[in-house]
Amino acid sequence: MLSSSTESSRQVSATSDWYAIYTRHQHEKIVACVLENKGFATLLPLYEEPRRWRDRVKLLSLPLFPCYVFIKGGLDRRLDILTTPGIHSFVSSGGQPAPISSDEIGAIQRGVDVGARFEPHPFLKRGEQVRVKSGSLEGVEGILVRQKGLYRLVLSVEILGKAASVEVDMAEVERVKNASPRKCRGRYGAYGSLLEPWKAACLA
């Protein structure tokens, strides 16, 4: 199941951009909690994964994008953000915090809102671009892949080079016409989708 931190009642303007913050390994939940207590709007998507211990199997709630927390706006309080324990930096471009595509963050938020069952997925650079035409994820676009006999919709966050996938019914998706292909490396599955290796390395 996918979970997320909720937006604080003291959140910034709804027109603000979303940004990604790079955190220390296994500090994502703490960072999101502290930022919310400071009045920032955050998003921390989680997924459940079984882990085997000596005498039992435990279901853990893990960050969908390890070492990252999303924050809405707040650049006017940048020092207040960066002095939060566990934070390394903003994900930046040209020395400035890089805003995340509204389509990308919107697709992830939509999945959070409807309780979609997400899981981490290798970042795809090219594949069959489809749109969900009905159901709880109607209107969400992503890359269609087949995994273990099931069809999944891959949602990417370009600036992070990371992605997540959610199971979809083939009857509920349609091809996006005139979708722009992107450069890529490697080969993925029977669909010929292309990918980069999953990069989940974090700072200790």
Protein backbone atom coordinates (compact mmCIF):
# COMPACT_ATOMS: atom_id res chain seq x y z
CA MET A 1 0.00 0.00 0.00
CA LEU A 2 1.16 3.52 -0.71
CA SER A 3 1.16 6.07 2.06
CA SER A 4 2.29 9.67 2.22
CA SER A 5 2.78 12.42 4.69
CA THR A 6 -0.12 14.85 4.66
CA GLU A 7 0.11 18.49 3.71
CA SER A 8 0.26 20.78 6.72
CA SER A 9 -2.64 23.13 7.36
CA ARG A 10 -0.02 25.87 7.32
CA GLN A 11 1.07 24.95 3.80
CA VAL A 12 2.43 27.43 1.31
CA SER A 13 0.50 28.81 -1.65
CA ALA A 14 -1.18 26.17 -3.81
CA THR A 15 0.55 27.69 -6.85
CA SER A 16 4.05 26.93 -5.52
CA ASP A 17 6.28 24.44 -7.31
CA TRP A 18 7.30 21.11 -5.84
CA TYR A 19 10.98 20.37 -5.20
CA ALA A 20 12.97 17.32 -4.10
CA ILE A 21 15.23 17.28 -1.05
CA TYR A 22 18.13 14.84 -0.79
CA THR A 23 18.28 13.28 2.67
CA ARG A 24 20.54 10.97 4.64
CA HIS A 25 19.88 7.25 4.29
CA GLN A 26 16.84 6.16 6.37
CA HIS A 27 16.13 9.74 7.47
CA GLU A 28 13.24 10.38 5.05
CA LYS A 29 10.40 9.96 7.58
CA ILE A 30 12.12 12.05 10.24
CA VAL A 31 12.86 14.82 7.75
CA ALA A 32 9.26 14.88 6.46
CA CYS A 33 7.89 14.99 10.01
CA VAL A 34 10.19 17.84 11.13
CA LEU A 35 9.46 19.87 7.99
CA GLU A 36 5.71 19.48 8.52
CA ASN A 37 6.11 20.64 12.10
CA LYS A 38 7.87 23.71 10.71
CA GLY A 39 4.82 24.42 8.53
CA PHE A 40 6.00 23.07 5.16
CA ALA A 41 3.90 20.94 2.83
CA THR A 42 5.66 17.64 2.13
CA LEU A 43 5.06 14.44 0.21
CA LEU A 44 6.72 11.17 1.18
CA PRO A 45 5.25 8.22 -0.78
CA LEU A 46 5.71 4.87 0.96
CA TYR A 47 5.21 1.25 -0.07
CA GLU A 48 5.06 -1.99 1.90
CA GLU A 49 7.65 -4.73 1.46
CA PRO A 50 7.92 -8.02 3.39
CA ARG A 51 11.27 -8.63 5.11
CA ARG A 52 12.17 -11.97 6.63
CA TRP A 53 13.57 -12.02 10.15
CA ARG A 54 14.83 -15.07 12.02
CA ASP A 55 11.44 -16.30 13.18
CA ARG A 56 8.91 -14.24 11.24
CA VAL A 57 8.15 -12.09 8.20
CA LYS A 58 7.64 -8.41 8.93
CA LEU A 59 5.91 -5.92 6.60
CA LEU A 60 7.97 -2.73 6.40
CA SER A 61 6.81 0.66 5.19
CA LEU A 62 9.63 2.03 3.00
CA PRO A 63 10.16 5.24 0.98
CA LEU A 64 9.19 4.79 -2.67
CA PHE A 65 12.07 7.11 -3.63
CA PRO A 66 14.89 6.33 -1.16
CA CYS A 67 16.76 9.37 0.19
CA TYR A 68 14.25 11.89 -1.18
CA VAL A 69 11.41 13.95 0.30
CA PHE A 70 9.25 16.24 -1.82
CA ILE A 71 8.46 19.74 -0.56
CA LYS A 72 6.06 22.35 -1.91
CA GLY A 73 7.55 25.82 -2.28
CA GLY A 74 9.33 27.21 0.75
CA LEU A 75 12.33 28.69 -1.08
CA ASP A 76 11.85 31.91 0.89
CA ARG A 77 12.71 29.83 3.99
CA ARG A 78 15.55 27.87 2.42
CA LEU A 79 17.83 28.17 5.45
CA ASP A 80 15.05 26.85 7.68
CA ILE A 81 14.78 23.83 5.37
CA LEU A 82 18.48 23.09 4.94
CA THR A 83 19.23 23.30 8.68
CA THR A 84 16.76 20.47 9.33
CA PRO A 85 18.69 17.44 10.69
CA GLY A 86 19.10 14.70 8.08
CA ILE A 87 18.96 16.95 5.01
CA HIS A 88 21.87 17.18 2.58
CA SER A 89 20.57 19.58 -0.08
CA PHE A 90 17.92 20.44 -2.61
CA VAL A 91 18.04 18.56 -5.92
CA SER A 92 19.37 21.40 -8.07
CA SER A 93 20.04 22.47 -11.61
CA GLY A 94 22.43 25.30 -12.41
CA GLY A 95 23.00 25.87 -8.71
CA GLN A 96 19.31 26.46 -7.99
CA PRO A 97 16.59 24.10 -6.62
CA ALA A 98 15.03 22.38 -9.65
CA PRO A 99 11.21 22.40 -9.80
CA ILE A 100 9.61 19.04 -10.55
CA SER A 101 7.29 18.67 -13.53
CA SER A 102 3.69 19.24 -12.45
CA ASP A 103 2.64 16.21 -14.53
CA GLU A 104 5.14 13.94 -12.74
CA ILE A 105 4.31 15.04 -9.20
CA GLY A 106 0.61 15.15 -10.06
CA ALA A 107 0.64 11.52 -11.20
CA ILE A 108 2.33 10.43 -7.96
CA GLN A 109 -0.10 12.46 -5.85
CA ARG A 110 -3.02 10.92 -7.72
CA GLY A 111 -1.73 7.46 -6.88
CA VAL A 112 -1.31 8.47 -3.23
CA ASP A 113 -4.84 9.85 -3.05
CA VAL A 114 -6.48 6.67 -4.40
CA GLY A 115 -4.29 4.29 -2.40
CA ALA A 116 -2.67 2.68 -5.45
CA ARG A 117 -0.22 -0.15 -4.74
CA PHE A 118 3.10 1.24 -5.93
CA GLU A 119 6.57 -0.29 -5.88
CA PRO A 120 10.03 0.97 -6.95
CA HIS A 121 10.90 0.44 -10.60
CA PRO A 122 13.98 0.99 -12.79
CA PHE A 123 13.92 4.42 -14.39
CA LEU A 124 12.65 4.05 -17.96
CA LYS A 125 13.86 6.42 -20.64
CA ARG A 126 11.60 5.17 -23.42
CA GLY A 127 8.69 2.80 -23.90
CA GLU A 128 5.01 2.60 -24.82
CA GLN A 129 3.47 5.84 -23.56
CA VAL A 130 -0.09 5.23 -22.37
CA ARG A 131 -2.88 7.04 -20.55
CA VAL A 132 -5.34 5.53 -18.07
CA LYS A 133 -8.77 6.12 -19.60
CA SER A 134 -10.99 4.88 -16.77
CA GLY A 135 -10.89 3.86 -13.12
CA SER A 136 -9.37 5.58 -10.08
CA LEU A 137 -6.23 6.65 -11.99
CA GLU A 138 -8.09 8.06 -15.01
CA GLY A 139 -5.99 10.64 -16.86
CA VAL A 140 -2.63 9.55 -15.42
CA GLU A 141 0.06 8.95 -18.07
CA GLY A 142 3.11 6.70 -17.88
CA ILE A 143 5.12 3.98 -19.60
CA LEU A 144 3.54 0.55 -19.98
CA VAL A 145 5.63 -2.52 -19.11
CA ARG A 146 4.88 -6.17 -18.38
CA GLN A 147 6.26 -7.69 -15.20
CA LYS A 148 5.63 -11.21 -13.88
CA GLY A 149 2.64 -11.61 -16.18
CA LEU A 150 1.05 -8.33 -15.05
CA TYR A 151 0.89 -4.96 -16.77
CA ARG A 152 2.26 -2.02 -14.81
CA LEU A 153 2.31 1.72 -15.43
CA VAL A 154 5.69 3.31 -14.73
CA LEU A 155 5.68 6.88 -13.41
CA SER A 156 9.03 8.66 -13.61
CA VAL A 157 10.55 11.65 -11.83
CA GLU A 158 12.95 12.87 -14.49
CA ILE A 159 15.03 15.18 -12.29
CA LEU A 160 15.78 12.31 -9.87
CA GLY A 161 16.33 9.63 -12.51
CA LYS A 162 13.96 7.40 -10.51
CA ALA A 163 10.58 5.79 -11.06
CA ALA A 164 7.78 3.76 -9.49
CA SER A 165 5.18 1.46 -11.00
CA VAL A 166 1.56 0.58 -10.32
CA GLU A 167 -0.50 -2.34 -11.61
CA VAL A 168 -3.05 -1.47 -14.31
CA ASP A 169 -5.71 -3.29 -16.30
CA MET A 170 -4.98 -3.32 -20.04
CA ALA A 171 -8.66 -2.58 -20.66
CA GLU A 172 -8.25 0.73 -18.82
CA VAL A 173 -5.32 2.17 -20.79
CA GLU A 174 -4.89 3.67 -24.24
CA ARG A 175 -1.85 4.66 -26.27
CA VAL A 176 -0.87 8.34 -26.12
CA LYS A 177 -0.77 9.59 -29.69
CA ASN A 178 2.28 11.54 -30.87
CA ALA A 179 4.17 10.85 -27.63
CA SER A 180 7.72 12.15 -27.98
CA PRO A 181 10.37 9.39 -27.82
CA ARG A 182 13.41 10.00 -25.60
CA LYS A 183 17.03 8.91 -25.86
CA CYS A 184 17.88 5.80 -23.89
CA ARG A 185 20.29 2.97 -23.12
CA GLY A 186 19.76 -0.79 -22.66
CA ARG A 187 16.74 -3.01 -23.37
CA TYR A 188 13.80 -3.95 -21.20
CA GLY A 189 11.53 -6.97 -21.63
CA ALA A 190 9.47 -8.12 -24.59
CA TYR A 191 8.23 -4.58 -25.24
CA GLY A 192 11.70 -3.29 -26.07
CA SER A 193 11.37 -0.57 -23.41
CA LEU A 194 14.70 1.03 -22.61
CA LEU A 195 16.09 1.81 -19.19
CA GLU A 196 19.00 2.94 -17.10
CA PRO A 197 20.08 0.80 -14.12
CA TRP A 198 18.18 1.49 -10.92
CA LYS A 199 20.31 3.84 -8.86
CA ALA A 200 19.41 3.71 -5.19
CA ALA A 201 22.77 4.54 -3.62
CA CYS A 202 22.47 6.99 -0.70
CA LEU A 203 24.93 8.77 1.50
CA ALA A 204 25.46 7.04 4.85
